[in-house]
């Protein structure tokens, strides 16, 4: 199991952050985090349920992490191991995550797929999302996996959808002409683009698109 203690800055003062595997006692906090992190128009039926969280802990506890500040659970990240074919990268969130239950987790596979990452809005300036992502990278290195993969929402796209295609919007984010709350964050975490995936998730702000992004294990050679 995993546990990491590091200091992060909260209003200029160091505070202790603890990253660890989440468990049943955390489920209520994790659901509350989802509700705060993904308010309407994000569909509420996509927030975690206790049944989904039970399945995460049962099938791949190593990929089920949360972060605490002063004993309060304020963020989480969830993953599973899947097969990935770079020649056929297009898929939906429901397909690859088993509708969020991850019962399709395959311990023989080498791609760690991010199902979800969320941090309470009041704590986002502490870089806890990046801390959670780094913890997943450590899991990939420790287990000798090939990559982290996941579809990043494009919530800023709806402001530009009449002028830009999804691919053009991503290109503008990559050149720095535009910033996107999710894609720009994932770039700061070291993720690199693979392709735009249409109809990835019911997400009005992204016009249902996502940018598939990966992080390759630097200790694994092609």
C-alpha atoms as a PDB file:
ATOM      1  CA  UNK A   1       0.000   0.000   0.000  1.00  0.00           C
ATOM      2  CA  UNK A   2       1.015   3.623  -0.496  1.00  0.00           C
ATOM      3  CA  UNK A   3       1.560   6.528   1.902  1.00  0.00           C
ATOM      4  CA  UNK A   4       3.503   9.725   1.285  1.00  0.00           C
ATOM      5  CA  UNK A   5       3.911  12.805   3.470  1.00  0.00           C
ATOM      6  CA  UNK A   6       5.068  16.086   1.933  1.00  0.00           C
ATOM      7  CA  UNK A   7       4.765  19.772   2.750  1.00  0.00           C
ATOM      8  CA  UNK A   8       2.742  22.079   0.506  1.00  0.00           C
ATOM      9  CA  UNK A   9       2.268  25.832   0.780  1.00  0.00           C
ATOM     10  CA  UNK A  10      -1.070  27.178   1.985  1.00  0.00           C
ATOM     11  CA  UNK A  11      -1.123  30.993   1.837  1.00  0.00           C
ATOM     12  CA  UNK A  12       2.673  30.945   2.036  1.00  0.00           C
ATOM     13  CA  UNK A  13       2.847  28.644   5.064  1.00  0.00           C
ATOM     14  CA  UNK A  14       3.971  24.996   4.889  1.00  0.00           C
ATOM     15  CA  UNK A  15       1.281  22.466   5.766  1.00  0.00           C
ATOM     16  CA  UNK A  16       1.566  18.683   5.773  1.00  0.00           C
ATOM     17  CA  UNK A  17      -0.181  16.788   2.983  1.00  0.00           C
ATOM     18  CA  UNK A  18      -0.658  13.024   3.217  1.00  0.00           C
ATOM     19  CA  UNK A  19      -1.288  10.937   0.100  1.00  0.00           C
ATOM     20  CA  UNK A  20      -2.564   7.435   0.812  1.00  0.00           C
ATOM     21  CA  UNK A  21      -4.880   4.732  -0.487  1.00  0.00           C
ATOM     22  CA  UNK A  22      -8.517   5.531   0.162  1.00  0.00           C
ATOM     23  CA  UNK A  23     -10.777   3.085   1.980  1.00  0.00           C
ATOM     24  CA  UNK A  24     -14.413   2.613   2.939  1.00  0.00           C
ATOM     25  CA  UNK A  25     -14.298   5.152   5.768  1.00  0.00           C
ATOM     26  CA  UNK A  26     -13.419   7.832   3.176  1.00  0.00           C
ATOM     27  CA  UNK A  27     -16.347   7.214   0.804  1.00  0.00           C
ATOM     28  CA  UNK A  28     -18.585   9.978   2.161  1.00  0.00           C
ATOM     29  CA  UNK A  29     -15.751  12.517   1.858  1.00  0.00           C
ATOM     30  CA  UNK A  30     -14.911  11.365  -1.671  1.00  0.00           C
ATOM     31  CA  UNK A  31     -18.502  11.781  -2.851  1.00  0.00           C
ATOM     32  CA  UNK A  32     -18.616  15.279  -1.312  1.00  0.00           C
ATOM     33  CA  UNK A  33     -15.395  16.172  -3.153  1.00  0.00           C
ATOM     34  CA  UNK A  34     -17.005  15.125  -6.452  1.00  0.00           C
ATOM     35  CA  UNK A  35     -20.053  17.269  -5.781  1.00  0.00           C
ATOM     36  CA  UNK A  36     -17.903  20.331  -5.096  1.00  0.00           C
ATOM     37  CA  UNK A  37     -15.485  19.686  -7.945  1.00  0.00           C
ATOM     38  CA  UNK A  38     -18.041  19.014 -10.688  1.00  0.00           C
ATOM     39  CA  UNK A  39     -21.077  21.263 -10.157  1.00  0.00           C
ATOM     40  CA  UNK A  40     -23.824  21.636 -12.792  1.00  0.00           C
ATOM     41  CA  UNK A  41     -23.919  21.623 -15.769  1.00  0.00           C
ATOM     42  CA  UNK A  42     -21.710  18.557 -15.169  1.00  0.00           C
ATOM     43  CA  UNK A  43     -24.174  15.639 -14.837  1.00  0.00           C
ATOM     44  CA  UNK A  44     -24.685  14.625 -11.210  1.00  0.00           C
ATOM     45  CA  UNK A  45     -25.152  10.981 -12.190  1.00  0.00           C
ATOM     46  CA  UNK A  46     -21.433  10.898 -12.995  1.00  0.00           C
ATOM     47  CA  UNK A  47     -20.454  11.669  -9.394  1.00  0.00           C
ATOM     48  CA  UNK A  48     -19.084   8.647  -7.519  1.00  0.00           C
ATOM     49  CA  UNK A  49     -21.472   6.291  -5.783  1.00  0.00           C
ATOM     50  CA  UNK A  50     -20.534   4.101  -2.831  1.00  0.00           C
ATOM     51  CA  UNK A  51     -20.916   1.042  -5.087  1.00  0.00           C
ATOM     52  CA  UNK A  52     -18.341   2.403  -7.531  1.00  0.00           C
ATOM     53  CA  UNK A  53     -15.913   3.302  -4.743  1.00  0.00           C
ATOM     54  CA  UNK A  54     -16.303  -0.187  -3.247  1.00  0.00           C
ATOM     55  CA  UNK A  55     -15.382  -1.599  -6.646  1.00  0.00           C
ATOM     56  CA  UNK A  56     -12.280   0.611  -6.896  1.00  0.00           C
ATOM     57  CA  UNK A  57     -10.983  -0.627  -3.556  1.00  0.00           C
ATOM     58  CA  UNK A  58     -11.800  -4.226  -4.440  1.00  0.00           C
ATOM     59  CA  UNK A  59     -10.296  -4.352  -7.924  1.00  0.00           C
ATOM     60  CA  UNK A  60      -7.292  -1.989  -7.820  1.00  0.00           C
ATOM     61  CA  UNK A  61      -6.617  -0.415  -4.422  1.00  0.00           C
ATOM     62  CA  UNK A  62      -3.139   0.583  -5.585  1.00  0.00           C
ATOM     63  CA  UNK A  63      -4.749   3.028  -8.024  1.00  0.00           C
ATOM     64  CA  UNK A  64      -7.198   4.499  -5.507  1.00  0.00           C
ATOM     65  CA  UNK A  65      -5.509   7.426  -3.754  1.00  0.00           C
ATOM     66  CA  UNK A  66      -6.650  10.401  -1.692  1.00  0.00           C
ATOM     67  CA  UNK A  67      -4.896  13.401  -0.176  1.00  0.00           C
ATOM     68  CA  UNK A  68      -5.423  14.820   3.320  1.00  0.00           C
ATOM     69  CA  UNK A  69      -4.734  18.295   4.673  1.00  0.00           C
ATOM     70  CA  UNK A  70      -4.944  18.620   8.471  1.00  0.00           C
ATOM     71  CA  UNK A  71      -6.751  15.280   8.585  1.00  0.00           C
ATOM     72  CA  UNK A  72      -9.391  16.339   6.034  1.00  0.00           C
ATOM     73  CA  UNK A  73      -9.699  14.377   2.772  1.00  0.00           C
ATOM     74  CA  UNK A  74      -9.717  17.070   0.080  1.00  0.00           C
ATOM     75  CA  UNK A  75      -8.842  15.272  -3.165  1.00  0.00           C
ATOM     76  CA  UNK A  76      -8.597  11.908  -4.878  1.00  0.00           C
ATOM     77  CA  UNK A  77      -7.405  10.117  -7.986  1.00  0.00           C
ATOM     78  CA  UNK A  78      -8.509   6.744  -9.315  1.00  0.00           C
ATOM     79  CA  UNK A  79      -7.041   4.462 -11.992  1.00  0.00           C
ATOM     80  CA  UNK A  80      -7.101   0.967 -13.449  1.00  0.00           C
ATOM     81  CA  UNK A  81      -4.888  -1.116 -15.726  1.00  0.00           C
ATOM     82  CA  UNK A  82      -6.108  -1.540 -19.304  1.00  0.00           C
ATOM     83  CA  UNK A  83      -4.933  -2.602 -22.727  1.00  0.00           C
ATOM     84  CA  UNK A  84      -4.076   0.300 -25.035  1.00  0.00           C
ATOM     85  CA  UNK A  85      -3.529   0.076 -28.778  1.00  0.00           C
ATOM     86  CA  UNK A  86      -1.913   3.304 -30.094  1.00  0.00           C
ATOM     87  CA  UNK A  87      -3.153   2.383 -33.575  1.00  0.00           C
ATOM     88  CA  UNK A  88      -6.759   2.519 -32.362  1.00  0.00           C
ATOM     89  CA  UNK A  89      -6.852   5.068 -29.529  1.00  0.00           C
ATOM     90  CA  UNK A  90     -10.487   6.246 -29.727  1.00  0.00           C
ATOM     91  CA  UNK A  91     -12.833   5.104 -26.960  1.00  0.00           C
ATOM     92  CA  UNK A  92     -15.381   6.468 -24.516  1.00  0.00           C
ATOM     93  CA  UNK A  93     -14.987   7.011 -20.782  1.00  0.00           C
ATOM     94  CA  UNK A  94     -17.765   4.495 -20.101  1.00  0.00           C
ATOM     95  CA  UNK A  95     -16.074   1.815 -22.220  1.00  0.00           C
ATOM     96  CA  UNK A  96     -12.605   2.121 -20.760  1.00  0.00           C
ATOM     97  CA  UNK A  97     -13.681   2.508 -17.107  1.00  0.00           C
ATOM     98  CA  UNK A  98     -16.631   0.086 -17.070  1.00  0.00           C
ATOM     99  CA  UNK A  99     -18.952   3.033 -16.342  1.00  0.00           C
ATOM    100  CA  UNK A 100     -16.667   4.002 -13.446  1.00  0.00           C
ATOM    101  CA  UNK A 101     -16.765   0.590 -11.711  1.00  0.00           C
ATOM    102  CA  UNK A 102     -13.363  -0.613 -13.122  1.00  0.00           C
ATOM    103  CA  UNK A 103     -14.455  -4.267 -13.022  1.00  0.00           C
ATOM    104  CA  UNK A 104     -12.515  -4.574 -16.302  1.00  0.00           C
ATOM    105  CA  UNK A 105      -9.217  -3.875 -14.494  1.00  0.00           C
ATOM    106  CA  UNK A 106      -6.609  -6.304 -15.845  1.00  0.00           C
ATOM    107  CA  UNK A 107      -3.495  -6.735 -13.655  1.00  0.00           C
ATOM    108  CA  UNK A 108      -1.586  -8.154 -16.645  1.00  0.00           C
ATOM    109  CA  UNK A 109      -1.836  -4.921 -18.637  1.00  0.00           C
ATOM    110  CA  UNK A 110       0.786  -2.146 -18.659  1.00  0.00           C
ATOM    111  CA  UNK A 111      -1.231   1.069 -19.105  1.00  0.00           C
ATOM    112  CA  UNK A 112      -2.554   2.823 -15.993  1.00  0.00           C
ATOM    113  CA  UNK A 113      -5.678   4.680 -17.064  1.00  0.00           C
ATOM    114  CA  UNK A 114      -6.883   7.652 -15.012  1.00  0.00           C
ATOM    115  CA  UNK A 115     -10.592   7.307 -14.286  1.00  0.00           C
ATOM    116  CA  UNK A 116     -10.923  10.548 -12.343  1.00  0.00           C
ATOM    117  CA  UNK A 117      -9.000  13.222 -10.480  1.00  0.00           C
ATOM    118  CA  UNK A 118     -10.677  15.834  -8.299  1.00  0.00           C
ATOM    119  CA  UNK A 119      -9.674  18.351  -5.634  1.00  0.00           C
ATOM    120  CA  UNK A 120     -11.939  20.588  -3.572  1.00  0.00           C
ATOM    121  CA  UNK A 121     -11.915  24.076  -5.134  1.00  0.00           C
ATOM    122  CA  UNK A 122     -10.764  25.718  -1.879  1.00  0.00           C
ATOM    123  CA  UNK A 123      -7.552  23.635  -1.956  1.00  0.00           C
ATOM    124  CA  UNK A 124      -6.572  23.858  -5.622  1.00  0.00           C
ATOM    125  CA  UNK A 125      -3.928  26.526  -5.081  1.00  0.00           C
ATOM    126  CA  UNK A 126      -1.929  23.978  -3.063  1.00  0.00           C
ATOM    127  CA  UNK A 127      -1.051  21.975  -6.230  1.00  0.00           C
ATOM    128  CA  UNK A 128      -2.654  18.860  -4.752  1.00  0.00           C
ATOM    129  CA  UNK A 129      -3.820  17.673  -8.164  1.00  0.00           C
ATOM    130  CA  UNK A 130      -0.225  17.645  -9.340  1.00  0.00           C
ATOM    131  CA  UNK A 131       0.799  15.856  -6.154  1.00  0.00           C
ATOM    132  CA  UNK A 132      -1.807  13.140  -6.773  1.00  0.00           C
ATOM    133  CA  UNK A 133      -0.698  12.763 -10.392  1.00  0.00           C
ATOM    134  CA  UNK A 134       2.948  12.458  -9.339  1.00  0.00           C
ATOM    135  CA  UNK A 135       1.911   9.721  -6.922  1.00  0.00           C
ATOM    136  CA  UNK A 136       0.335   7.805  -9.809  1.00  0.00           C
ATOM    137  CA  UNK A 137       3.560   8.231 -11.813  1.00  0.00           C
ATOM    138  CA  UNK A 138       5.417   6.698  -8.879  1.00  0.00           C
ATOM    139  CA  UNK A 139       3.075   3.694  -9.028  1.00  0.00           C
ATOM    140  CA  UNK A 140       3.837   3.296 -12.746  1.00  0.00           C
ATOM    141  CA  UNK A 141       7.588   3.370 -12.098  1.00  0.00           C
ATOM    142  CA  UNK A 142       7.396   1.075  -9.058  1.00  0.00           C
ATOM    143  CA  UNK A 143       5.389  -1.548 -10.968  1.00  0.00           C
ATOM    144  CA  UNK A 144       7.340  -1.208 -14.231  1.00  0.00           C
ATOM    145  CA  UNK A 145       4.290  -0.145 -16.220  1.00  0.00           C
ATOM    146  CA  UNK A 146       4.491   1.571 -19.617  1.00  0.00           C
ATOM    147  CA  UNK A 147       2.427   4.716 -19.236  1.00  0.00           C
ATOM    148  CA  UNK A 148      -0.287   6.765 -17.620  1.00  0.00           C
ATOM    149  CA  UNK A 149      -3.175   7.509 -19.968  1.00  0.00           C
ATOM    150  CA  UNK A 150      -6.424   9.401 -19.624  1.00  0.00           C
ATOM    151  CA  UNK A 151      -8.914  11.650 -21.338  1.00  0.00           C
ATOM    152  CA  UNK A 152      -8.714  15.283 -20.255  1.00  0.00           C
ATOM    153  CA  UNK A 153     -11.887  17.358 -20.317  1.00  0.00           C
ATOM    154  CA  UNK A 154     -11.792  20.584 -22.345  1.00  0.00           C
ATOM    155  CA  UNK A 155     -14.137  22.789 -20.271  1.00  0.00           C
ATOM    156  CA  UNK A 156     -12.913  26.008 -21.862  1.00  0.00           C
ATOM    157  CA  UNK A 157     -13.849  24.842 -25.349  1.00  0.00           C
ATOM    158  CA  UNK A 158     -17.471  25.986 -25.187  1.00  0.00           C
ATOM    159  CA  UNK A 159     -16.259  29.602 -25.224  1.00  0.00           C
ATOM    160  CA  UNK A 160     -14.585  29.015 -28.610  1.00  0.00           C
ATOM    161  CA  UNK A 161     -16.650  26.255 -30.243  1.00  0.00           C
ATOM    162  CA  UNK A 162     -18.188  28.579 -32.827  1.00  0.00           C
ATOM    163  CA  UNK A 163     -14.774  29.683 -34.092  1.00  0.00           C
ATOM    164  CA  UNK A 164     -12.548  26.632 -33.550  1.00  0.00           C
ATOM    165  CA  UNK A 165     -12.724  22.887 -34.064  1.00  0.00           C
ATOM    166  CA  UNK A 166     -11.714  20.806 -31.013  1.00  0.00           C
ATOM    167  CA  UNK A 167      -8.340  20.120 -32.648  1.00  0.00           C
ATOM    168  CA  UNK A 168      -7.783  23.823 -33.355  1.00  0.00           C
ATOM    169  CA  UNK A 169      -8.698  24.671 -29.776  1.00  0.00           C
ATOM    170  CA  UNK A 170      -6.165  22.151 -28.454  1.00  0.00           C
ATOM    171  CA  UNK A 171      -3.498  23.566 -30.762  1.00  0.00           C
ATOM    172  CA  UNK A 172      -4.154  27.063 -29.426  1.00  0.00           C
ATOM    173  CA  UNK A 173      -3.782  25.743 -25.866  1.00  0.00           C
ATOM    174  CA  UNK A 174      -0.529  24.000 -26.796  1.00  0.00           C
ATOM    175  CA  UNK A 175       0.913  27.195 -28.297  1.00  0.00           C
ATOM    176  CA  UNK A 176      -0.073  29.134 -25.175  1.00  0.00           C
ATOM    177  CA  UNK A 177      -2.549  31.409 -26.949  1.00  0.00           C
ATOM    178  CA  UNK A 178      -5.383  29.947 -24.835  1.00  0.00           C
ATOM    179  CA  UNK A 179      -5.558  28.338 -21.431  1.00  0.00           C
ATOM    180  CA  UNK A 180      -7.885  25.493 -20.484  1.00  0.00           C
ATOM    181  CA  UNK A 181      -8.512  24.637 -16.807  1.00  0.00           C
ATOM    182  CA  UNK A 182      -7.954  20.916 -17.343  1.00  0.00           C
ATOM    183  CA  UNK A 183      -5.672  20.589 -20.373  1.00  0.00           C
ATOM    184  CA  UNK A 184      -3.273  23.274 -19.127  1.00  0.00           C
ATOM    185  CA  UNK A 185      -3.183  21.575 -15.713  1.00  0.00           C
ATOM    186  CA  UNK A 186      -2.362  18.199 -17.288  1.00  0.00           C
ATOM    187  CA  UNK A 187       0.410  19.783 -19.343  1.00  0.00           C
ATOM    188  CA  UNK A 188       1.911  21.140 -16.118  1.00  0.00           C
ATOM    189  CA  UNK A 189       1.780  17.583 -14.771  1.00  0.00           C
ATOM    190  CA  UNK A 190       3.939  16.358 -17.657  1.00  0.00           C
ATOM    191  CA  UNK A 191       1.205  14.777 -19.771  1.00  0.00           C
ATOM    192  CA  UNK A 192       1.492  14.981 -23.557  1.00  0.00           C
ATOM    193  CA  UNK A 193      -1.328  14.909 -26.149  1.00  0.00           C
ATOM    194  CA  UNK A 194      -2.244  11.776 -28.101  1.00  0.00           C
ATOM    195  CA  UNK A 195      -5.445  12.788 -29.927  1.00  0.00           C
ATOM    196  CA  UNK A 196      -8.835  14.437 -29.529  1.00  0.00           C
ATOM    197  CA  UNK A 197     -11.556  11.913 -28.735  1.00  0.00           C
ATOM    198  CA  UNK A 198     -15.106  12.871 -29.784  1.00  0.00           C
ATOM    199  CA  UNK A 199     -18.143  11.760 -27.762  1.00  0.00           C
ATOM    200  CA  UNK A 200     -15.869  10.750 -24.891  1.00  0.00           C
ATOM    201  CA  UNK A 201     -18.162  11.804 -22.052  1.00  0.00           C
ATOM    202  CA  UNK A 202     -21.425  13.650 -21.512  1.00  0.00           C
ATOM    203  CA  UNK A 203     -19.891  17.070 -20.963  1.00  0.00           C
ATOM    204  CA  UNK A 204     -21.558  20.189 -22.364  1.00  0.00           C
ATOM    205  CA  UNK A 205     -18.639  22.507 -21.625  1.00  0.00           C
ATOM    206  CA  UNK A 206     -16.272  20.299 -23.667  1.00  0.00           C
ATOM    207  CA  UNK A 207     -18.936  19.654 -26.310  1.00  0.00           C
ATOM    208  CA  UNK A 208     -18.448  16.014 -25.274  1.00  0.00           C
ATOM    209  CA  UNK A 209     -14.814  15.968 -26.459  1.00  0.00           C
ATOM    210  CA  UNK A 210     -11.689  15.045 -24.533  1.00  0.00           C
ATOM    211  CA  UNK A 211      -7.984  15.226 -25.211  1.00  0.00           C
ATOM    212  CA  UNK A 212      -6.350  11.850 -24.702  1.00  0.00           C
ATOM    213  CA  UNK A 213      -3.023  12.486 -22.945  1.00  0.00           C
ATOM    214  CA  UNK A 214      -0.242  10.213 -21.738  1.00  0.00           C
ATOM    215  CA  UNK A 215       2.846  10.154 -19.559  1.00  0.00           C
ATOM    216  CA  UNK A 216       5.409   7.528 -20.523  1.00  0.00           C
ATOM    217  CA  UNK A 217       7.558   5.751 -17.970  1.00  0.00           C
ATOM    218  CA  UNK A 218      11.024   7.249 -18.591  1.00  0.00           C
ATOM    219  CA  UNK A 219      12.679   4.030 -17.418  1.00  0.00           C
ATOM    220  CA  UNK A 220      10.959   1.901 -20.061  1.00  0.00           C
ATOM    221  CA  UNK A 221      12.400   1.910 -23.565  1.00  0.00           C
ATOM    222  CA  UNK A 222      10.356   1.417 -26.717  1.00  0.00           C
END
